[in-house]
Structure formats: C-alpha cells, structure tokens
Amino acid sequence: FIVEVPIRRESLATPEEKEFEITEKTLSHVRSSKVGKIPEFTIKGKLHRTNCLINMPLTGEVTIARSANKISSIDVQLVRIESISSALSSSGELSKGEMSKEATEIESLQIAVGDVVRNMVIPIYMVLPRVYTCPTLKTATFEVGFEVNLQVVFEDGYMVSETFQIGLHRVQ
C-alpha cells in the first residue's frame, strides 16, 4: 500500500521552467558523413518544471515549427540514472574518480503518432510511476538521478533526441 501526504501549496512556488529549441544545426554526435543528409527542422517547447514533486505529473509542451520530412512519432522517456563511485585510494579513502553509471528506461510515453500539424502545441503529461521513481539522491559515493528524453522519429528513419536533467523530490 502507499501512504500519501497532502501537498503544501508553498512548496510548489518558483518552478524552474526549461525552454528548448532543437534544429538540425544544434545537433551534436552526428557522423560527418550524415551532416548533409539531415532534414531541416525546428522543434520548440518547454518543460514546466525541472524540479518536480514525485507525486505530481511531469508536464510541458512540444511544437514542430517546421520540418522538411514527415514525422513518424514523438516520444517522451523517463530514465533513471544510478551512479556509484569506482575510485578508492590505496588507503581505502574515497578519491576524486569516475562514477560508473547505469541508465534504465522506466517509462516511455508516445505523445504523437504520424505527421503532426506544424505549429500545433502538443502537451506533455507524464504521471511518474511510484514503484520505479524515488527522490533524487546525491552522496559522495552514490547518486540516483533522472532524465527526460524527447525523441522525434522521422519517416525516413532519422531520430532526433534531446535530454533534460530533472530532479524529483518529496515535500517535507
């Protein structure tokens, strides 16, 4: 069973909104042989909060401002990132080292199917799964964090993905 505590309204003040714009020119991690073949597009939108209450939905919006190619689908993914420190000094003390990371997709939501109307606002409304989410945690040796991936798949097979870091927390 799950016990839920009512939300205090003062804890919902000052949301950290994240606006974004993705174009073919802002992409990274593109092979040099594919640069000239990427279709022209502009995707705009925003996440209403980057610091979210764990019992409230993740909300936002996406707009396809322009696209030379037809769109196949638009997906939003919630990914949990677990990191653990892998560096101990010879004396057993924790040293500044690399973190070993493991990413797990915990939810995928298809918000559009087919070629969407240009300049139409597509809402994002993702209810966070209680069993697979927890408040963001960061210690010297261990971290649990979350990312939201926006994926736009074109009919010709190209996929554009943008990643946003989010924080989840409970009201005390």
N, C-alpha and C. Protein backbone atom coordinates (compact mmCIF):
# COMPACT_ATOMS: atom_id res chain seq x y z
N PHE A 1 0.83 -1.17 0.00
CA PHE A 1 0.00 0.00 0.00
C PHE A 1 0.88 1.24 0.00
N ILE A 2 0.29 2.37 -0.38
CA ILE A 2 1.04 3.62 -0.48
C ILE A 2 0.33 4.67 0.35
N VAL A 3 1.08 5.34 1.21
CA VAL A 3 0.55 6.42 2.03
C VAL A 3 0.94 7.72 1.36
N GLU A 4 -0.02 8.62 1.22
CA GLU A 4 0.25 9.90 0.57
C GLU A 4 -0.09 11.04 1.51
N VAL A 5 0.80 12.01 1.58
CA VAL A 5 0.62 13.17 2.44
C VAL A 5 0.16 14.33 1.57
N PRO A 6 -0.83 15.11 2.02
CA PRO A 6 -1.29 16.25 1.22
C PRO A 6 -0.14 17.23 0.95
N ILE A 7 -0.19 17.87 -0.22
CA ILE A 7 0.85 18.81 -0.64
C ILE A 7 0.60 20.18 -0.03
N ARG A 8 1.67 20.79 0.48
CA ARG A 8 1.57 22.17 0.94
C ARG A 8 1.79 23.07 -0.27
N ARG A 9 0.93 24.02 -0.48
CA ARG A 9 0.98 24.87 -1.67
C ARG A 9 2.25 25.73 -1.74
N GLU A 10 2.80 26.14 -0.61
CA GLU A 10 4.00 26.98 -0.65
C GLU A 10 5.19 26.23 -1.24
N SER A 11 5.17 24.90 -1.20
CA SER A 11 6.27 24.13 -1.76
C SER A 11 6.24 24.09 -3.29
N LEU A 12 5.13 24.51 -3.88
CA LEU A 12 5.02 24.49 -5.34
C LEU A 12 5.46 25.80 -5.97
N ALA A 13 5.90 26.76 -5.18
CA ALA A 13 6.31 28.06 -5.71
C ALA A 13 7.62 27.95 -6.49
N THR A 14 7.84 28.91 -7.34
CA THR A 14 9.05 29.07 -8.15
C THR A 14 9.45 27.81 -8.93
N PRO A 15 8.64 27.42 -9.90
CA PRO A 15 9.05 26.30 -10.74
C PRO A 15 10.21 26.72 -11.65
N GLU A 16 11.11 25.78 -11.93
CA GLU A 16 12.22 26.05 -12.83
C GLU A 16 11.84 25.54 -14.22
N GLU A 17 11.33 26.44 -15.05
CA GLU A 17 10.89 26.09 -16.39
C GLU A 17 12.09 25.96 -17.32
N LYS A 18 12.05 25.00 -18.24
CA LYS A 18 13.14 24.78 -19.19
C LYS A 18 12.59 24.88 -20.60
N GLU A 19 12.94 25.96 -21.29
CA GLU A 19 12.56 26.12 -22.70
C GLU A 19 13.67 25.56 -23.57
N PHE A 20 13.28 25.03 -24.75
CA PHE A 20 14.29 24.47 -25.65
C PHE A 20 13.90 24.71 -27.10
N GLU A 21 14.91 24.67 -27.95
CA GLU A 21 14.73 24.73 -29.40
C GLU A 21 15.77 23.82 -30.02
N ILE A 22 15.32 22.89 -30.83
CA ILE A 22 16.21 21.93 -31.48
C ILE A 22 16.10 22.15 -32.99
N THR A 23 17.24 22.31 -33.64
CA THR A 23 17.28 22.42 -35.10
C THR A 23 18.36 21.47 -35.62
N GLU A 24 18.42 21.31 -36.92
CA GLU A 24 19.46 20.46 -37.49
C GLU A 24 20.86 21.02 -37.22
N LYS A 25 20.95 22.32 -36.96
CA LYS A 25 22.26 22.94 -36.70
C LYS A 25 22.70 22.80 -35.24
N THR A 26 21.78 22.53 -34.33
CA THR A 26 22.14 22.42 -32.91
C THR A 26 22.45 20.99 -32.48
N LEU A 27 22.37 20.05 -33.41
CA LEU A 27 22.61 18.64 -33.07
C LEU A 27 24.09 18.39 -32.79
N SER A 28 24.35 17.49 -31.86
CA SER A 28 25.71 17.03 -31.60
C SER A 28 25.73 15.52 -31.79
N HIS A 29 26.90 14.94 -31.83
CA HIS A 29 27.07 13.50 -32.01
C HIS A 29 26.51 13.03 -33.35
N VAL A 30 26.78 13.79 -34.41
CA VAL A 30 26.33 13.44 -35.75
C VAL A 30 27.56 13.03 -36.56
N ARG A 31 27.49 11.91 -37.24
CA ARG A 31 28.60 11.48 -38.10
C ARG A 31 28.80 12.49 -39.22
N SER A 32 30.05 12.73 -39.56
CA SER A 32 30.35 13.72 -40.61
C SER A 32 29.76 13.31 -41.96
N SER A 33 29.61 12.02 -42.20
CA SER A 33 29.03 11.56 -43.47
C SER A 33 27.52 11.81 -43.54
N LYS A 34 26.89 12.06 -42.40
CA LYS A 34 25.43 12.24 -42.36
C LYS A 34 25.01 13.70 -42.24
N VAL A 35 25.96 14.62 -42.04
CA VAL A 35 25.61 16.01 -41.77
C VAL A 35 24.76 16.62 -42.87
N GLY A 36 25.09 16.41 -44.12
CA GLY A 36 24.33 16.99 -45.23
C GLY A 36 23.00 16.31 -45.49
N LYS A 37 22.78 15.14 -44.91
CA LYS A 37 21.56 14.37 -45.17
C LYS A 37 20.47 14.59 -44.13
N ILE A 38 20.78 15.32 -43.07
CA ILE A 38 19.79 15.55 -42.01
C ILE A 38 18.73 16.52 -42.52
N PRO A 39 17.46 16.17 -42.38
CA PRO A 39 16.40 17.07 -42.86
C PRO A 39 16.34 18.35 -42.03
N GLU A 40 15.89 19.42 -42.64
CA GLU A 40 15.74 20.69 -41.92
C GLU A 40 14.51 20.60 -41.03
N PHE A 41 14.66 21.08 -39.80
CA PHE A 41 13.54 21.06 -38.86
C PHE A 41 13.79 22.06 -37.75
N THR A 42 12.71 22.45 -37.09
CA THR A 42 12.77 23.26 -35.88
C THR A 42 11.72 22.72 -34.92
N ILE A 43 12.19 22.32 -33.74
CA ILE A 43 11.32 21.80 -32.70
C ILE A 43 11.47 22.71 -31.50
N LYS A 44 10.36 23.25 -31.02
CA LYS A 44 10.39 24.15 -29.86
C LYS A 44 9.52 23.54 -28.76
N GLY A 45 9.77 23.98 -27.54
CA GLY A 45 8.94 23.50 -26.46
C GLY A 45 9.47 23.92 -25.11
N LYS A 46 8.85 23.35 -24.08
CA LYS A 46 9.30 23.62 -22.72
C LYS A 46 8.81 22.54 -21.78
N LEU A 47 9.60 22.34 -20.74
CA LEU A 47 9.17 21.55 -19.59
C LEU A 47 8.76 22.55 -18.53
N HIS A 48 7.59 22.38 -17.95
CA HIS A 48 7.09 23.35 -16.97
C HIS A 48 7.91 23.36 -15.69
N ARG A 49 8.51 22.22 -15.35
CA ARG A 49 9.34 22.12 -14.14
C ARG A 49 10.52 21.19 -14.41
N THR A 50 11.69 21.58 -13.92
CA THR A 50 12.83 20.66 -13.94
C THR A 50 13.07 20.09 -12.54
N ASN A 51 12.47 20.69 -11.53
CA ASN A 51 12.43 20.13 -10.17
C ASN A 51 10.99 19.79 -9.88
N CYS A 52 10.69 18.51 -9.85
CA CYS A 52 9.30 18.05 -9.78
C CYS A 52 9.02 17.37 -8.45
N LEU A 53 7.79 17.54 -7.99
CA LEU A 53 7.32 16.74 -6.86
C LEU A 53 7.04 15.34 -7.37
N ILE A 54 7.41 14.35 -6.59
CA ILE A 54 7.33 12.97 -7.04
C ILE A 54 5.89 12.50 -7.25
N ASN A 55 4.93 13.14 -6.60
CA ASN A 55 3.53 12.73 -6.75
C ASN A 55 2.75 13.65 -7.69
N MET A 56 3.45 14.49 -8.44
CA MET A 56 2.81 15.35 -9.43
C MET A 56 3.30 14.94 -10.82
N PRO A 57 2.48 15.11 -11.86
CA PRO A 57 2.92 14.72 -13.20
C PRO A 57 3.98 15.67 -13.76
N LEU A 58 4.79 15.13 -14.64
CA LEU A 58 5.74 15.93 -15.40
C LEU A 58 4.97 16.53 -16.57
N THR A 59 4.99 17.84 -16.72
CA THR A 59 4.21 18.49 -17.76
C THR A 59 5.09 19.39 -18.61
N GLY A 60 4.61 19.67 -19.80
CA GLY A 60 5.32 20.55 -20.72
C GLY A 60 4.59 20.58 -22.05
N GLU A 61 5.30 21.02 -23.08
CA GLU A 61 4.71 21.09 -24.41
C GLU A 61 5.80 21.04 -25.47
N VAL A 62 5.41 20.56 -26.65
CA VAL A 62 6.31 20.46 -27.80
C VAL A 62 5.58 21.01 -29.01
N THR A 63 6.30 21.74 -29.86
CA THR A 63 5.75 22.26 -31.10
C THR A 63 6.72 21.97 -32.23
N ILE A 64 6.23 21.38 -33.30
CA ILE A 64 7.05 21.21 -34.51
C ILE A 64 6.81 22.46 -35.35
N ALA A 65 7.76 23.39 -35.31
CA ALA A 65 7.61 24.65 -36.04
C ALA A 65 7.77 24.44 -37.54
N ARG A 66 8.76 23.63 -37.93
CA ARG A 66 8.93 23.30 -39.34
C ARG A 66 9.65 21.97 -39.45
N SER A 67 9.40 21.27 -40.55
CA SER A 67 10.09 20.02 -40.81
C SER A 67 9.99 19.71 -42.30
N ALA A 68 11.15 19.49 -42.92
CA ALA A 68 11.18 19.17 -44.34
C ALA A 68 10.66 17.76 -44.59
N ASN A 69 10.85 16.86 -43.64
CA ASN A 69 10.38 15.48 -43.77
C ASN A 69 9.19 15.23 -42.85
N LYS A 70 8.42 14.22 -43.22
CA LYS A 70 7.28 13.84 -42.38
C LYS A 70 7.78 13.21 -41.09
N ILE A 71 7.00 13.38 -40.05
CA ILE A 71 7.34 12.83 -38.74
C ILE A 71 6.57 11.54 -38.53
N SER A 72 7.25 10.54 -37.98
CA SER A 72 6.61 9.26 -37.69
C SER A 72 6.02 9.25 -36.29
N SER A 73 6.79 9.72 -35.29
CA SER A 73 6.28 9.74 -33.92
C SER A 73 7.11 10.67 -33.05
N ILE A 74 6.52 11.05 -31.92
CA ILE A 74 7.21 11.84 -30.90
C ILE A 74 7.01 11.11 -29.58
N ASP A 75 8.12 10.83 -28.90
CA ASP A 75 8.09 10.08 -27.65
C ASP A 75 8.78 10.86 -26.54
N VAL A 76 8.33 10.63 -25.31
CA VAL A 76 8.97 11.17 -24.12
C VAL A 76 9.34 9.98 -23.24
N GLN A 77 10.60 9.92 -22.82
CA GLN A 77 11.07 8.82 -21.98
C GLN A 77 11.55 9.36 -20.65
N LEU A 78 11.25 8.62 -19.59
CA LEU A 78 11.80 8.91 -18.27
C LEU A 78 12.86 7.86 -17.99
N VAL A 79 14.08 8.32 -17.67
CA VAL A 79 15.22 7.43 -17.47
C VAL A 79 15.79 7.66 -16.07
N ARG A 80 16.03 6.57 -15.34
CA ARG A 80 16.69 6.66 -14.03
C ARG A 80 18.18 6.40 -14.24
N ILE A 81 19.02 7.28 -13.68
CA ILE A 81 20.47 7.15 -13.79
C ILE A 81 21.02 6.84 -12.40
N GLU A 82 21.61 5.66 -12.24
CA GLU A 82 22.23 5.26 -10.98
C GLU A 82 23.74 5.30 -11.17
N SER A 83 24.43 6.00 -10.29
CA SER A 83 25.89 6.14 -10.39
C SER A 83 26.52 5.72 -9.07
N ILE A 84 27.68 5.09 -9.19
CA ILE A 84 28.43 4.70 -8.00
C ILE A 84 29.91 5.01 -8.25
N SER A 85 30.57 5.49 -7.21
CA SER A 85 31.98 5.84 -7.33
C SER A 85 32.81 4.58 -7.51
N SER A 86 33.74 4.65 -8.43
CA SER A 86 34.57 3.47 -8.70
C SER A 86 36.02 3.69 -8.31
N ALA A 87 36.30 4.78 -7.60
CA ALA A 87 37.70 5.09 -7.28
C ALA A 87 37.92 5.15 -5.78
N LEU A 88 38.70 4.25 -5.26
CA LEU A 88 39.14 4.28 -3.87
C LEU A 88 40.66 4.38 -3.87
N SER A 89 41.18 5.15 -2.97
CA SER A 89 42.64 5.27 -2.88
C SER A 89 43.20 4.02 -2.22
N SER A 90 44.53 3.90 -2.18
CA SER A 90 45.17 2.72 -1.60
C SER A 90 44.87 2.58 -0.11
N SER A 91 44.56 3.69 0.56
CA SER A 91 44.25 3.63 1.99
C SER A 91 42.77 3.35 2.25
N GLY A 92 42.01 3.14 1.18
CA GLY A 92 40.59 2.87 1.34
C GLY A 92 39.74 4.12 1.37
N GLU A 93 40.36 5.29 1.27
CA GLU A 93 39.64 6.56 1.25
C GLU A 93 39.05 6.79 -0.13
N LEU A 94 37.95 7.50 -0.17
CA LEU A 94 37.33 7.85 -1.44
C LEU A 94 38.14 8.95 -2.11
N SER A 95 38.50 8.75 -3.35
CA SER A 95 39.23 9.78 -4.08
C SER A 95 38.35 10.32 -5.19
N LYS A 96 38.75 11.45 -5.72
CA LYS A 96 38.01 12.04 -6.84
C LYS A 96 38.20 11.15 -8.05
N GLY A 97 37.20 10.43 -8.41
CA GLY A 97 37.33 9.49 -9.51
C GLY A 97 36.09 9.46 -10.37
N GLU A 98 36.09 8.53 -11.27
CA GLU A 98 34.97 8.37 -12.18
C GLU A 98 33.78 7.73 -11.48
N MET A 99 32.61 8.05 -11.96
CA MET A 99 31.40 7.42 -11.47
C MET A 99 30.96 6.40 -12.53
N SER A 100 30.69 5.19 -12.12
CA SER A 100 30.12 4.18 -13.02
C SER A 100 28.62 4.44 -13.08
N LYS A 101 28.09 4.56 -14.29
CA LYS A 101 26.68 4.92 -14.46
C LYS A 101 25.91 3.79 -15.12
N GLU A 102 24.68 3.66 -14.70
CA GLU A 102 23.75 2.69 -15.28
C GLU A 102 22.44 3.42 -15.53
N ALA A 103 21.98 3.42 -16.77
CA ALA A 103 20.73 4.09 -17.14
C ALA A 103 19.65 3.04 -17.39
N THR A 104 18.45 3.30 -16.86
CA THR A 104 17.32 2.39 -17.03
C THR A 104 16.10 3.19 -17.45
N GLU A 105 15.52 2.81 -18.59
CA GLU A 105 14.28 3.46 -19.02
C GLU A 105 13.16 2.94 -18.13
N ILE A 106 12.45 3.86 -17.48
CA ILE A 106 11.39 3.42 -16.58
C ILE A 106 10.00 3.77 -17.10
N GLU A 107 9.92 4.65 -18.08
CA GLU A 107 8.61 4.95 -18.67
C GLU A 107 8.83 5.55 -20.05
N SER A 108 7.98 5.18 -20.98
CA SER A 108 8.01 5.76 -22.32
C SER A 108 6.58 6.13 -22.71
N LEU A 109 6.42 7.35 -23.17
CA LEU A 109 5.10 7.86 -23.50
C LEU A 109 5.12 8.41 -24.91
N GLN A 110 4.29 7.86 -25.79
CA GLN A 110 4.20 8.36 -27.16
C GLN A 110 3.16 9.46 -27.18
N ILE A 111 3.61 10.70 -27.45
CA ILE A 111 2.69 11.83 -27.38
C ILE A 111 2.14 12.22 -28.75
N ALA A 112 2.72 11.69 -29.83
CA ALA A 112 2.19 11.95 -31.17
C ALA A 112 2.57 10.80 -32.08
N VAL A 113 1.64 10.46 -32.97
CA VAL A 113 1.87 9.42 -33.97
C VAL A 113 1.54 10.01 -35.32
N GLY A 114 2.40 9.83 -36.28
CA GLY A 114 2.17 10.34 -37.62
C GLY A 114 2.67 11.77 -37.76
N ASP A 115 2.51 12.30 -38.96
CA ASP A 115 2.99 13.64 -39.26
C ASP A 115 2.07 14.66 -38.60
N VAL A 116 2.59 15.37 -37.62
CA VAL A 116 1.77 16.31 -36.85
C VAL A 116 1.63 17.64 -37.59
N VAL A 117 0.57 18.34 -37.28
CA VAL A 117 0.32 19.67 -37.84
C VAL A 117 1.41 20.61 -37.34
N ARG A 118 1.97 21.39 -38.23
CA ARG A 118 3.03 22.33 -37.85
C ARG A 118 2.47 23.44 -36.97
N ASN A 119 3.27 23.88 -36.03
CA ASN A 119 2.95 24.97 -35.09
C ASN A 119 1.78 24.65 -34.16
N MET A 120 1.44 23.38 -34.02
CA MET A 120 0.41 22.98 -33.06
C MET A 120 1.10 22.56 -31.77
N VAL A 121 0.61 23.06 -30.64
CA VAL A 121 1.19 22.72 -29.35
C VAL A 121 0.73 21.32 -28.95
N ILE A 122 1.69 20.44 -28.68
CA ILE A 122 1.41 19.07 -28.25
C ILE A 122 1.74 19.00 -26.76
N PRO A 123 0.76 18.71 -25.92
CA PRO A 123 1.03 18.69 -24.47
C PRO A 123 1.80 17.45 -24.04
N ILE A 124 2.62 17.62 -23.01
CA ILE A 124 3.31 16.52 -22.34
C ILE A 124 2.67 16.39 -20.96
N TYR A 125 2.21 15.20 -20.63
CA TYR A 125 1.61 14.94 -19.32
C TYR A 125 2.00 13.52 -18.92
N MET A 126 3.05 13.40 -18.14
CA MET A 126 3.58 12.09 -17.77
C MET A 126 3.43 11.89 -16.27
N VAL A 127 2.60 10.92 -15.89
CA VAL A 127 2.45 10.56 -14.49
C VAL A 127 3.66 9.69 -14.12
N LEU A 128 4.33 10.05 -13.04
CA LEU A 128 5.54 9.33 -12.63
C LEU A 128 5.15 8.02 -11.94
N PRO A 129 5.73 6.90 -12.36
CA PRO A 129 5.39 5.61 -11.74
C PRO A 129 5.96 5.51 -10.33
N ARG A 130 5.11 5.26 -9.36
CA ARG A 130 5.53 5.25 -7.95
C ARG A 130 6.54 4.16 -7.63
N VAL A 131 6.43 3.03 -8.27
CA VAL A 131 7.29 1.90 -7.92
C VAL A 131 8.72 2.11 -8.41
N TYR A 132 8.90 2.84 -9.51
CA TYR A 132 10.23 2.95 -10.13
C TYR A 132 10.88 4.32 -9.96
N THR A 133 10.25 5.22 -9.25
CA THR A 133 10.85 6.54 -9.02
C THR A 133 11.08 6.74 -7.53
N CYS A 134 12.00 7.64 -7.24
CA CYS A 134 12.32 8.00 -5.87
C CYS A 134 12.86 9.42 -5.91
N PRO A 135 12.98 10.08 -4.78
CA PRO A 135 13.59 11.41 -4.80
C PRO A 135 15.04 11.33 -5.30
N THR A 136 15.47 12.37 -5.98
CA THR A 136 16.85 12.44 -6.44
C THR A 136 17.77 12.41 -5.22
N LEU A 137 18.84 11.63 -5.32
CA LEU A 137 19.75 11.42 -4.20
C LEU A 137 21.18 11.61 -4.68
N LYS A 138 21.97 12.34 -3.91
CA LYS A 138 23.38 12.52 -4.26
C LYS A 138 24.22 12.48 -2.99
N THR A 139 25.11 11.48 -2.92
CA THR A 139 26.07 11.37 -1.83
C THR A 139 27.47 11.33 -2.44
N ALA A 140 28.48 11.20 -1.60
CA ALA A 140 29.85 11.16 -2.10
C ALA A 140 30.13 9.91 -2.94
N THR A 141 29.44 8.82 -2.65
CA THR A 141 29.73 7.56 -3.34
C THR A 141 28.61 7.03 -4.22
N PHE A 142 27.43 7.62 -4.14
CA PHE A 142 26.27 7.06 -4.83
C PHE A 142 25.32 8.17 -5.25
N GLU A 143 24.75 8.04 -6.44
CA GLU A 143 23.77 9.02 -6.93
C GLU A 143 22.62 8.30 -7.62
N VAL A 144 21.42 8.84 -7.46
CA VAL A 144 20.25 8.42 -8.22
C VAL A 144 19.65 9.69 -8.80
N GLY A 145 19.61 9.77 -10.11
CA GLY A 145 19.07 10.95 -10.78
C GLY A 145 18.13 10.53 -11.89
N PHE A 146 17.51 11.52 -12.52
CA PHE A 146 16.53 11.24 -13.56
C PHE A 146 16.74 12.16 -14.75
N GLU A 147 16.44 11.64 -15.94
CA GLU A 147 16.50 12.40 -17.18
C GLU A 147 15.20 12.19 -17.93
N VAL A 148 14.84 13.19 -18.70
CA VAL A 148 13.72 13.07 -19.63
C VAL A 148 14.30 13.18 -21.03
N ASN A 149 14.00 12.21 -21.88
CA ASN A 149 14.45 12.24 -23.27
C ASN A 149 13.26 12.54 -24.17
N LEU A 150 13.41 13.54 -25.02
CA LEU A 150 12.42 13.83 -26.05
C LEU A 150 12.96 13.25 -27.35
N GLN A 151 12.22 12.34 -27.97
CA GLN A 151 12.66 11.71 -29.20
C GLN A 151 11.65 11.97 -30.31
N VAL A 152 12.16 12.50 -31.42
CA VAL A 152 11.34 12.73 -32.60
C VAL A 152 11.88 11.82 -33.69
N VAL A 153 11.01 10.93 -34.21
CA VAL A 153 11.40 9.99 -35.25
C VAL A 153 10.77 10.44 -36.56
N PHE A 154 11.61 10.60 -37.59
CA PHE A 154 11.13 10.98 -38.91
C PHE A 154 10.79 9.73 -39.71
N GLU A 155 9.93 9.87 -40.73
CA GLU A 155 9.51 8.71 -41.53
C GLU A 155 10.66 8.04 -42.25
N ASP A 156 11.72 8.80 -42.57
CA ASP A 156 12.86 8.20 -43.28
C ASP A 156 13.83 7.49 -42.34
N GLY A 157 13.49 7.41 -41.04
CA GLY A 157 14.29 6.65 -40.10
C GLY A 157 15.20 7.47 -39.21
N TYR A 158 15.41 8.73 -39.52
CA TYR A 158 16.24 9.57 -38.65
C TYR A 158 15.54 9.82 -37.33
N MET A 159 16.31 9.84 -36.26
CA MET A 159 15.75 10.12 -34.94
C MET A 159 16.55 11.24 -34.29
N VAL A 160 15.84 12.21 -33.73
CA VAL A 160 16.45 13.33 -33.01
C VAL A 160 16.08 13.16 -31.55
N SER A 161 17.07 13.28 -30.68
CA SER A 161 16.83 13.10 -29.25
C SER A 161 17.46 14.24 -28.47
N GLU A 162 16.74 14.75 -27.50
CA GLU A 162 17.25 15.79 -26.60
C GLU A 162 17.03 15.30 -25.17
N THR A 163 18.03 15.50 -24.32
CA THR A 163 17.99 15.02 -22.94
C THR A 163 17.93 16.19 -21.98
N PHE A 164 17.06 16.08 -20.97
CA PHE A 164 16.90 17.10 -19.94
C PHE A 164 17.07 16.46 -18.57
N GLN A 165 17.92 17.04 -17.73
CA GLN A 165 18.09 16.57 -16.36
C GLN A 165 16.92 17.11 -15.53
N ILE A 166 16.32 16.25 -14.72
CA ILE A 166 15.27 16.70 -13.81
C ILE A 166 15.58 16.21 -12.40
N GLY A 167 15.04 16.91 -11.43
CA GLY A 167 15.17 16.50 -10.04
C GLY A 167 13.80 16.14 -9.50
N LEU A 168 13.72 15.05 -8.77
CA LEU A 168 12.47 14.64 -8.13
C LEU A 168 12.64 14.78 -6.63
N HIS A 169 11.60 15.28 -5.96
CA HIS A 169 11.67 15.41 -4.50
C HIS A 169 10.29 15.29 -3.89
N ARG A 170 10.28 15.02 -2.59
CA ARG A 170 9.04 14.95 -1.81
C ARG A 170 8.94 16.20 -0.97
N VAL A 171 7.73 16.56 -0.60
CA VAL A 171 7.51 17.68 0.30
C VAL A 171 7.71 17.18 1.72
N GLN A 172 8.47 17.90 2.52
CA GLN A 172 8.70 17.52 3.91
C GLN A 172 7.64 18.13 4.80
